[in-house]
Amino acid sequence: MLKDFKKYLFVLLILCPFMVSCSMSTNNEMASTPSSSTPSTVLETVEPTTKDASNSPTPVSTPSISLPEPKPAPTFDPSTPVGMHGRLNVKETYIVDENQEPFQLRGVSTHGIQWFPAFVNEGCFNTLRDDWKANVIRLAMYTDNNSGYLGNTEGLENLMREGIDLATKAGLYVIVDWHCLSDGNPNTHKDEAIRFFSEISAEYQNYPNIIYELCNEPNGADVTWDNEVKPYCETLISTIRAIDKQGIIIAGTPTWSQDIHLAAQNPLEGENIMYALHFYADTHRDSLRQRLVDCINKYKLPVFVSEFGTCDASGNTGFNEEQSDIWMDLLNEHNVSWVNWSLCDKKETASLLKPLTISRGNWTDDDLSESGLFIKNRLLEAASH
C-alpha cells in the first residue's frame, strides 16, 4: 500500500506544473477574446447637466444603444419650403430661417400612423405642399403598449423613417412626434424614448428639416412639470444633443400640453428648444389664449402649437369657425408656428377629410370636411401674405 502511494505522489508532482500552465493559458485566451455581441457603435446616455436634474424622482437610464450610420445631407429643390428657408433656429420667442428672417411653420399632423398608414405617401405630401401651401408635416406615432410603438416597434420605426424620407423628398419640414397620450407620464417609456430618439437623431443628423417632439401630451394629476416632465425632457435633450447639436426640439407640457406657464417659470436650458401648446378651439378659449400671450410677453417663452383642433377637445363635435379664427389670428400676430389635427378620413369632426376619401392626395374641396376646408383656406391665406 505504501509503495503504491509513493508512485501516485511521484506522478502527481510531475504533472501538476503542466496542468497549472494549461489552465492559465486557457483563461488568458478567454479573457482576450472579444464578445461577438458587442456593438460596433454605441451611445451611452448620460445624466442631464442642468442644475435641477438631481431633483428628478425618476432615475436616469443609461442603456447602451447601437446607432445607425448617418445618412448624407439631402439636397432640396429650391422652390420647396426647405429649399427656400434651410435650417431653422429659435430666436427669442419665434423661429427664424437660415437667413435669420422670422419664419412660421404651418401645416398638419397625421392621426396615429399605426391606424392611418395609407396617408404617409408622396402624393399626399405633395398635395399638402402644392395645393394647400403647407410647409410642415407632423408624424404622430403613439407610444402605448397596444397598437402603438411598444406593440409594433419595428413596423412603426420603418413607417416613421418612410414618412421622414417622403417629407424630405417633398421639401417639407417634418416633426417626429413621440405621441404619448394614454400613457400619461412620459417617464413610463423613457428608456424606449431614449433608444428611439438616439437612433433617429443619429440617422438623420445631417437633415436640416427634422424637428423632435419629445412627448405629445403629458397628463395626470401627479405628472407635474418640475418633478416629471422637465426631468424627462432634460434627459431626452441630453440624448439628442449628444448627436444633433442644432435641431429644434419641442418639449411637451403638463395637462395635455396646456400648462406652458409652468415651463415658463422653470424653463429648460439650452438652445433651439420650444414648448408645446395644444388647444381645441371650441373648448379652450380666452383664458388659454391669455396664458399664451403672457408666456410670450412676460417670460419670452418660445411656444409651438404642435397640435390644435377646430372643434371641442373630444375631437368629435363642436366645429367652431369663430373661435378657430380668433386663435389663428393670435398665432399669426405673434408668429407662433402651428400644426392642425388631423390628416385622416376618420369619421370625426377633427378629421381633415371626409370618410372614405382617397389617401393619395389631389383632393377637391368636396373631399374635405368643414375643418379641412377651413384649414386649407387659412394655409392659403397665410401663404399669400
Protein backbone atom coordinates (compact mmCIF):
# COMPACT_ATOMS: atom_id res chain seq x y z
CA MET A 1 0.00 0.00 0.00
CA LEU A 2 2.79 2.44 0.93
CA LYS A 3 4.65 1.56 -2.24
CA ASP A 4 1.61 2.35 -4.41
CA PHE A 5 1.08 5.68 -2.60
CA LYS A 6 4.68 6.72 -3.31
CA LYS A 7 4.17 6.01 -7.04
CA TYR A 8 0.95 8.12 -7.08
CA LEU A 9 2.66 11.03 -5.33
CA PHE A 10 5.56 10.91 -7.79
CA VAL A 11 3.25 11.10 -10.81
CA LEU A 12 1.22 13.96 -9.30
CA LEU A 13 4.34 16.03 -8.64
CA ILE A 14 5.44 15.67 -12.26
CA LEU A 15 2.04 16.53 -13.85
CA CYS A 16 0.94 19.41 -11.58
CA PRO A 17 3.03 22.23 -13.20
CA PHE A 18 1.83 21.19 -16.64
CA MET A 19 -1.83 21.22 -15.56
CA VAL A 20 -1.49 24.69 -13.98
CA SER A 21 0.17 26.05 -17.12
CA CYS A 22 -2.63 24.74 -19.34
CA SER A 23 -5.29 26.26 -17.06
CA MET A 24 -3.62 29.69 -17.10
CA SER A 25 -3.27 29.60 -20.87
CA THR A 26 -6.95 28.79 -21.35
CA ASN A 27 -8.09 31.57 -19.00
CA ASN A 28 -5.88 34.14 -20.76
CA GLU A 29 -7.32 33.18 -24.15
CA MET A 30 -10.89 33.56 -22.86
CA ALA A 31 -10.15 36.99 -21.39
CA SER A 32 -8.64 38.34 -24.60
CA THR A 33 -11.40 37.12 -26.93
CA PRO A 34 -13.91 39.93 -27.73
CA SER A 35 -17.62 39.17 -27.36
CA SER A 36 -19.37 38.84 -30.71
CA SER A 37 -22.42 40.60 -29.25
CA THR A 38 -20.58 43.86 -28.56
CA PRO A 39 -21.99 46.56 -30.93
CA SER A 40 -19.51 48.43 -33.08
CA THR A 41 -21.09 51.82 -32.40
CA VAL A 42 -22.77 52.59 -29.11
CA LEU A 43 -24.10 55.61 -27.29
CA GLU A 44 -24.01 55.82 -23.53
CA THR A 45 -26.68 58.30 -22.46
CA VAL A 46 -25.68 60.44 -19.51
CA GLU A 47 -27.49 62.30 -16.78
CA PRO A 48 -28.58 65.84 -17.68
CA THR A 49 -26.19 68.52 -16.52
CA THR A 50 -28.74 71.16 -15.63
CA LYS A 51 -28.92 72.29 -12.04
CA ASP A 52 -32.34 70.72 -11.35
CA ALA A 53 -31.51 67.25 -12.67
CA SER A 54 -30.64 65.88 -9.23
CA ASN A 55 -34.18 66.55 -8.06
CA SER A 56 -35.71 64.10 -10.53
CA PRO A 57 -37.67 61.35 -8.74
CA THR A 58 -37.08 59.02 -11.65
CA PRO A 59 -33.56 57.64 -12.17
CA VAL A 60 -31.84 58.45 -15.44
CA SER A 61 -31.34 55.33 -17.53
CA THR A 62 -28.12 54.72 -19.41
CA PRO A 63 -28.83 51.99 -21.94
CA SER A 64 -26.15 51.01 -24.42
CA ILE A 65 -27.54 51.71 -27.89
CA SER A 66 -26.23 50.61 -31.27
CA LEU A 67 -26.59 53.57 -33.62
CA PRO A 68 -27.14 53.57 -37.39
CA GLU A 69 -24.73 55.35 -39.68
CA PRO A 70 -25.82 58.91 -40.53
CA LYS A 71 -27.39 59.47 -43.91
CA PRO A 72 -25.70 62.07 -46.12
CA ALA A 73 -27.18 65.55 -46.22
CA PRO A 74 -30.03 65.66 -48.74
CA THR A 75 -30.43 68.22 -51.50
CA PHE A 76 -33.67 70.16 -51.84
CA ASP A 77 -35.49 71.67 -54.78
CA PRO A 78 -35.03 75.43 -54.24
CA SER A 79 -38.75 76.01 -54.81
CA THR A 80 -39.76 73.88 -51.80
CA PRO A 81 -40.10 75.20 -48.24
CA VAL A 82 -36.84 73.65 -47.03
CA GLY A 83 -35.11 74.62 -50.26
CA MET A 84 -36.08 78.25 -49.69
CA HIS A 85 -35.57 78.52 -45.92
CA GLY A 86 -32.95 75.91 -44.99
CA ARG A 87 -32.09 75.00 -41.42
CA LEU A 88 -34.24 76.69 -38.79
CA ASN A 89 -33.33 78.14 -35.41
CA VAL A 90 -35.17 79.60 -32.44
CA LYS A 91 -34.63 83.30 -31.78
CA GLU A 92 -36.33 84.87 -28.78
CA THR A 93 -39.92 83.58 -28.97
CA TYR A 94 -40.11 82.54 -32.63
CA ILE A 95 -38.42 80.60 -35.43
CA VAL A 96 -36.02 82.12 -37.94
CA ASP A 97 -34.78 80.61 -41.19
CA GLU A 98 -31.20 80.27 -42.38
CA ASN A 99 -31.24 83.95 -43.40
CA GLN A 100 -32.29 84.94 -39.85
CA GLU A 101 -35.69 86.03 -41.14
CA PRO A 102 -38.77 85.26 -38.99
CA PHE A 103 -40.44 82.11 -40.27
CA GLN A 104 -43.75 80.50 -39.31
CA LEU A 105 -44.25 76.78 -39.74
CA ARG A 106 -47.82 75.97 -40.78
CA GLY A 107 -49.17 72.55 -41.61
CA VAL A 108 -50.98 69.44 -40.46
CA SER A 109 -50.44 66.40 -38.30
CA THR A 110 -51.23 62.86 -39.25
CA HIS A 111 -53.51 60.90 -36.98
CA GLY A 112 -51.76 57.90 -35.43
CA ILE A 113 -49.67 56.44 -38.22
CA GLN A 114 -50.37 52.94 -36.89
CA TRP A 115 -54.07 53.44 -37.73
CA PHE A 116 -53.76 55.53 -40.88
CA PRO A 117 -50.51 54.47 -42.58
CA ALA A 118 -52.04 55.00 -46.02
CA PHE A 119 -51.71 58.77 -45.56
CA VAL A 120 -47.93 58.51 -45.40
CA ASN A 121 -47.33 58.75 -49.13
CA GLU A 122 -45.76 61.00 -51.75
CA GLY A 123 -48.97 62.17 -53.42
CA CYS A 124 -50.50 63.20 -50.13
CA PHE A 125 -47.46 65.21 -49.03
CA ASN A 126 -47.09 66.87 -52.43
CA THR A 127 -50.75 67.93 -52.38
CA LEU A 128 -50.32 69.49 -48.94
CA ARG A 129 -47.27 71.38 -50.18
CA ASP A 130 -48.60 72.49 -53.58
CA ASP A 131 -52.38 72.83 -53.19
CA TRP A 132 -52.60 73.74 -49.50
CA LYS A 133 -49.24 75.58 -49.16
CA ALA A 134 -48.30 73.67 -46.01
CA ASN A 135 -44.61 73.74 -45.12
CA VAL A 136 -44.54 71.14 -42.32
CA ILE A 137 -45.96 67.68 -41.64
CA ARG A 138 -46.14 66.12 -38.18
CA LEU A 139 -45.83 62.33 -37.96
CA ALA A 140 -47.78 61.20 -34.90
CA MET A 141 -46.53 57.88 -33.51
CA TYR A 142 -48.47 56.71 -30.45
CA THR A 143 -46.29 55.11 -27.79
CA ASP A 144 -48.64 52.84 -25.85
CA ASN A 145 -48.31 49.08 -25.38
CA ASN A 146 -51.23 48.05 -27.55
CA SER A 147 -51.41 49.45 -31.07
CA GLY A 148 -48.59 51.96 -30.59
CA TYR A 149 -44.80 51.84 -30.68
CA LEU A 150 -44.45 49.37 -27.82
CA GLY A 151 -46.77 46.95 -29.61
CA ASN A 152 -45.16 47.22 -33.07
CA THR A 153 -41.73 48.73 -32.65
CA GLU A 154 -40.07 47.65 -35.90
CA GLY A 155 -43.11 48.33 -38.06
CA LEU A 156 -43.66 51.84 -36.74
CA GLU A 157 -39.96 52.72 -36.83
CA ASN A 158 -39.93 51.76 -40.51
CA LEU A 159 -43.09 53.78 -41.19
CA MET A 160 -41.65 56.79 -39.36
CA ARG A 161 -38.49 56.59 -41.47
CA GLU A 162 -40.59 56.32 -44.61
CA GLY A 163 -42.51 59.43 -43.57
CA ILE A 164 -39.32 61.37 -42.87
CA ASP A 165 -37.89 60.38 -46.24
CA LEU A 166 -41.08 61.33 -48.11
CA ALA A 167 -41.33 64.67 -46.32
CA THR A 168 -37.70 65.35 -47.14
CA LYS A 169 -38.26 64.46 -50.80
CA ALA A 170 -41.17 66.92 -50.84
CA GLY A 171 -39.01 69.62 -49.25
CA LEU A 172 -41.20 69.80 -46.13
CA TYR A 173 -40.16 70.22 -42.54
CA VAL A 174 -41.10 67.16 -40.51
CA ILE A 175 -41.94 66.79 -36.82
CA VAL A 176 -41.06 63.42 -35.33
CA ASP A 177 -43.76 63.13 -32.68
CA TRP A 178 -43.34 60.71 -29.72
CA HIS A 179 -47.09 60.71 -29.16
CA CYS A 180 -47.57 59.80 -25.52
CA LEU A 181 -51.20 60.16 -24.51
CA SER A 182 -52.86 57.24 -22.70
CA ASP A 183 -49.53 56.50 -21.01
CA GLY A 184 -49.77 59.93 -19.31
CA ASN A 185 -46.35 60.20 -17.68
CA PRO A 186 -43.60 60.34 -20.34
CA ASN A 187 -41.24 58.57 -17.93
CA THR A 188 -43.35 55.42 -18.34
CA HIS A 189 -41.49 54.64 -21.56
CA LYS A 190 -38.40 56.80 -21.08
CA ASP A 191 -35.90 54.06 -21.96
CA GLU A 192 -37.74 53.38 -25.21
CA ALA A 193 -37.82 57.11 -25.98
CA ILE A 194 -34.07 57.34 -25.38
CA ARG A 195 -33.45 54.49 -27.78
CA PHE A 196 -35.84 55.83 -30.43
CA PHE A 197 -34.55 59.41 -30.46
CA SER A 198 -30.94 58.23 -30.31
CA GLU A 199 -31.43 56.17 -33.46
CA ILE A 200 -33.48 58.79 -35.34
CA SER A 201 -31.13 61.67 -34.48
CA ALA A 202 -28.10 59.57 -35.45
CA GLU A 203 -29.55 58.53 -38.78
CA TYR A 204 -30.93 61.98 -39.72
CA GLN A 205 -28.44 64.29 -38.04
CA ASN A 206 -27.46 65.80 -41.41
CA TYR A 207 -31.06 66.65 -42.33
CA PRO A 208 -31.93 70.32 -41.76
CA ASN A 209 -35.71 69.69 -41.77
CA ILE A 210 -36.04 67.40 -38.72
CA ILE A 211 -37.85 68.62 -35.59
CA TYR A 212 -38.06 66.42 -32.49
CA GLU A 213 -41.22 66.41 -30.34
CA LEU A 214 -40.36 64.68 -27.08
CA CYS A 215 -43.76 63.99 -25.54
CA ASN A 216 -47.08 64.87 -27.13
CA GLU A 217 -49.41 65.43 -24.17
CA PRO A 218 -48.20 64.62 -20.65
CA ASN A 219 -51.21 64.25 -18.39
CA GLY A 220 -52.31 63.07 -14.96
CA ALA A 221 -52.62 64.63 -11.51
CA ASP A 222 -49.12 63.57 -10.48
CA VAL A 223 -47.45 64.44 -13.80
CA THR A 224 -46.03 67.83 -12.87
CA TRP A 225 -43.55 69.95 -14.80
CA ASP A 226 -40.91 70.20 -12.07
CA ASN A 227 -40.91 66.57 -10.93
CA GLU A 228 -41.74 64.56 -14.04
CA VAL A 229 -41.93 66.32 -17.39
CA LYS A 230 -38.91 68.62 -17.07
CA PRO A 231 -36.51 65.87 -15.86
CA TYR A 232 -37.72 63.63 -18.70
CA CYS A 233 -37.15 66.40 -21.25
CA GLU A 234 -33.70 67.12 -19.83
CA THR A 235 -32.73 63.50 -20.33
CA LEU A 236 -34.05 63.37 -23.89
CA ILE A 237 -32.48 66.72 -24.81
CA SER A 238 -29.14 65.45 -23.50
CA THR A 239 -29.61 62.29 -25.58
CA ILE A 240 -30.34 64.17 -28.80
CA ARG A 241 -27.73 66.88 -28.27
CA ALA A 242 -25.02 64.23 -27.94
CA ILE A 243 -25.67 63.66 -31.66
CA ASP A 244 -27.65 66.52 -33.22
CA LYS A 245 -26.37 69.79 -31.79
CA GLN A 246 -28.82 72.10 -33.52
CA GLY A 247 -32.18 70.56 -34.48
CA ILE A 248 -35.24 72.19 -32.94
CA ILE A 249 -36.72 70.26 -30.01
CA ILE A 250 -40.32 70.65 -28.79
CA ALA A 251 -40.96 69.85 -25.13
CA GLY A 252 -44.45 68.79 -24.11
CA THR A 253 -46.05 70.44 -21.09
CA PRO A 254 -48.44 69.12 -18.39
CA THR A 255 -52.23 68.89 -18.65
CA TRP A 256 -52.25 67.77 -22.28
CA SER A 257 -49.68 70.42 -23.22
CA GLN A 258 -51.64 73.37 -21.88
CA ASP A 259 -49.54 74.33 -18.82
CA ILE A 260 -46.90 76.32 -20.65
CA HIS A 261 -46.88 78.84 -17.79
CA LEU A 262 -45.27 76.22 -15.51
CA ALA A 263 -42.49 75.67 -18.03
CA ALA A 264 -42.09 79.44 -18.38
CA GLN A 265 -41.43 79.74 -14.64
CA ASN A 266 -38.82 76.96 -14.68
CA PRO A 267 -37.56 76.60 -18.25
CA LEU A 268 -35.17 74.10 -19.76
CA GLU A 269 -31.60 75.08 -20.50
CA GLY A 270 -30.19 75.03 -24.00
CA GLU A 271 -30.75 76.46 -27.45
CA ASN A 272 -33.40 75.70 -30.07
CA ILE A 273 -35.90 74.44 -27.51
CA MET A 274 -39.60 75.25 -27.78
CA TYR A 275 -42.64 74.40 -25.68
CA ALA A 276 -45.81 72.71 -26.89
CA LEU A 277 -49.20 74.34 -26.51
CA HIS A 278 -52.24 72.32 -27.61
CA PHE A 279 -55.80 73.59 -27.85
CA TYR A 280 -59.18 72.67 -29.28
CA ALA A 281 -60.91 75.88 -30.28
CA ASP A 282 -64.44 75.14 -29.07
CA THR A 283 -63.18 74.12 -25.60
CA HIS A 284 -60.11 76.26 -24.94
CA ARG A 285 -60.84 79.93 -25.31
CA ASP A 286 -59.91 83.26 -23.72
CA SER A 287 -58.11 82.00 -20.61
CA LEU A 288 -55.70 79.78 -22.57
CA ARG A 289 -55.17 82.49 -25.17
CA GLN A 290 -54.26 84.91 -22.40
CA ARG A 291 -51.84 82.35 -20.98
CA LEU A 292 -50.12 82.17 -24.36
CA VAL A 293 -49.81 85.96 -24.58
CA ASP A 294 -48.45 86.20 -21.03
CA CYS A 295 -45.86 83.48 -21.65
CA ILE A 296 -44.66 85.23 -24.79
CA ASN A 297 -44.67 88.80 -23.49
CA LYS A 298 -43.67 88.31 -19.86
CA TYR A 299 -41.44 85.22 -19.99
CA LYS A 300 -40.26 85.35 -23.63
CA LEU A 301 -41.19 81.68 -23.95
CA PRO A 302 -40.83 80.18 -27.45
CA VAL A 303 -44.13 78.36 -27.98
CA PHE A 304 -45.03 75.93 -30.78
CA VAL A 305 -48.66 74.89 -31.27
CA SER A 306 -47.79 71.38 -32.40
CA GLU A 307 -51.44 70.26 -32.29
CA PHE A 308 -54.80 72.00 -32.33
CA GLY A 309 -58.34 71.26 -33.43
CA THR A 310 -61.13 73.43 -34.81
CA CYS A 311 -63.68 71.62 -32.62
CA ASP A 312 -64.05 70.63 -28.97
CA ALA A 313 -61.49 68.62 -27.02
CA SER A 314 -63.16 65.29 -27.79
CA GLY A 315 -62.25 65.80 -31.44
CA ASN A 316 -65.68 64.67 -32.49
CA THR A 317 -68.14 67.53 -32.14
CA GLY A 318 -68.43 71.29 -31.98
CA PHE A 319 -66.71 72.63 -35.09
CA ASN A 320 -66.28 76.32 -34.23
CA GLU A 321 -65.09 78.57 -37.03
CA GLU A 322 -65.38 81.75 -35.00
CA GLN A 323 -63.15 80.57 -32.15
CA SER A 324 -60.74 78.96 -34.61
CA ASP A 325 -60.36 82.27 -36.43
CA ILE A 326 -59.61 84.06 -33.15
CA TRP A 327 -56.90 81.52 -32.40
CA MET A 328 -55.42 81.69 -35.90
CA ASP A 329 -55.25 85.47 -35.83
CA LEU A 330 -53.50 85.40 -32.45
CA LEU A 331 -50.93 82.82 -33.58
CA ASN A 332 -50.18 84.78 -36.72
CA GLU A 333 -49.87 88.03 -34.75
CA HIS A 334 -47.13 86.52 -32.56
CA ASN A 335 -45.55 84.42 -35.32
CA VAL A 336 -46.35 81.19 -33.46
CA SER A 337 -45.94 78.09 -35.61
CA TRP A 338 -48.92 75.74 -35.79
CA VAL A 339 -49.98 72.27 -36.88
CA ASN A 340 -53.59 71.12 -37.21
CA TRP A 341 -55.03 67.76 -36.13
CA SER A 342 -55.57 65.61 -38.19
CA LEU A 343 -54.76 64.26 -41.63
CA CYS A 344 -57.09 61.28 -41.99
CA ASP A 345 -60.56 60.23 -43.16
CA LYS A 346 -61.82 59.11 -39.76
CA LYS A 347 -65.47 59.87 -39.10
CA GLU A 348 -64.92 62.66 -36.59
CA THR A 349 -65.06 66.44 -36.59
CA ALA A 350 -61.29 66.99 -36.32
CA SER A 351 -60.50 64.98 -39.45
CA LEU A 352 -59.47 67.00 -42.48
CA LEU A 353 -61.05 64.60 -44.96
CA LYS A 354 -64.48 63.05 -45.28
CA PRO A 355 -64.80 59.29 -44.66
CA LEU A 356 -63.58 57.03 -47.49
CA THR A 357 -61.65 59.83 -49.18
CA ILE A 358 -58.64 58.54 -51.11
CA SER A 359 -55.32 58.92 -49.30
CA ARG A 360 -53.19 59.75 -52.34
CA GLY A 361 -53.89 63.47 -52.48
CA ASN A 362 -55.25 65.62 -55.31
CA TRP A 363 -58.36 66.28 -53.23
CA THR A 364 -61.15 68.58 -54.30
CA ASP A 365 -62.94 70.82 -51.82
CA ASP A 366 -65.80 68.32 -51.88
CA ASP A 367 -63.44 65.76 -50.32
CA LEU A 368 -62.77 67.98 -47.33
CA SER A 369 -64.58 68.17 -44.01
CA GLU A 370 -65.62 71.52 -42.54
CA SER A 371 -62.37 71.52 -40.62
CA GLY A 372 -60.36 70.52 -43.68
CA LEU A 373 -61.77 73.33 -45.80
CA PHE A 374 -61.16 75.84 -43.01
CA ILE A 375 -57.52 74.77 -42.55
CA LYS A 376 -56.81 74.71 -46.28
CA ASN A 377 -58.17 78.26 -46.65
CA ARG A 378 -56.17 79.54 -43.66
CA LEU A 379 -52.99 77.98 -45.09
CA LEU A 380 -53.60 79.57 -48.49
CA GLU A 381 -54.38 82.93 -46.89
CA ALA A 382 -51.17 82.86 -44.81
CA ALA A 383 -49.05 81.88 -47.80
CA SER A 384 -50.39 84.80 -49.84
CA HIS A 385 -49.13 87.43 -47.39
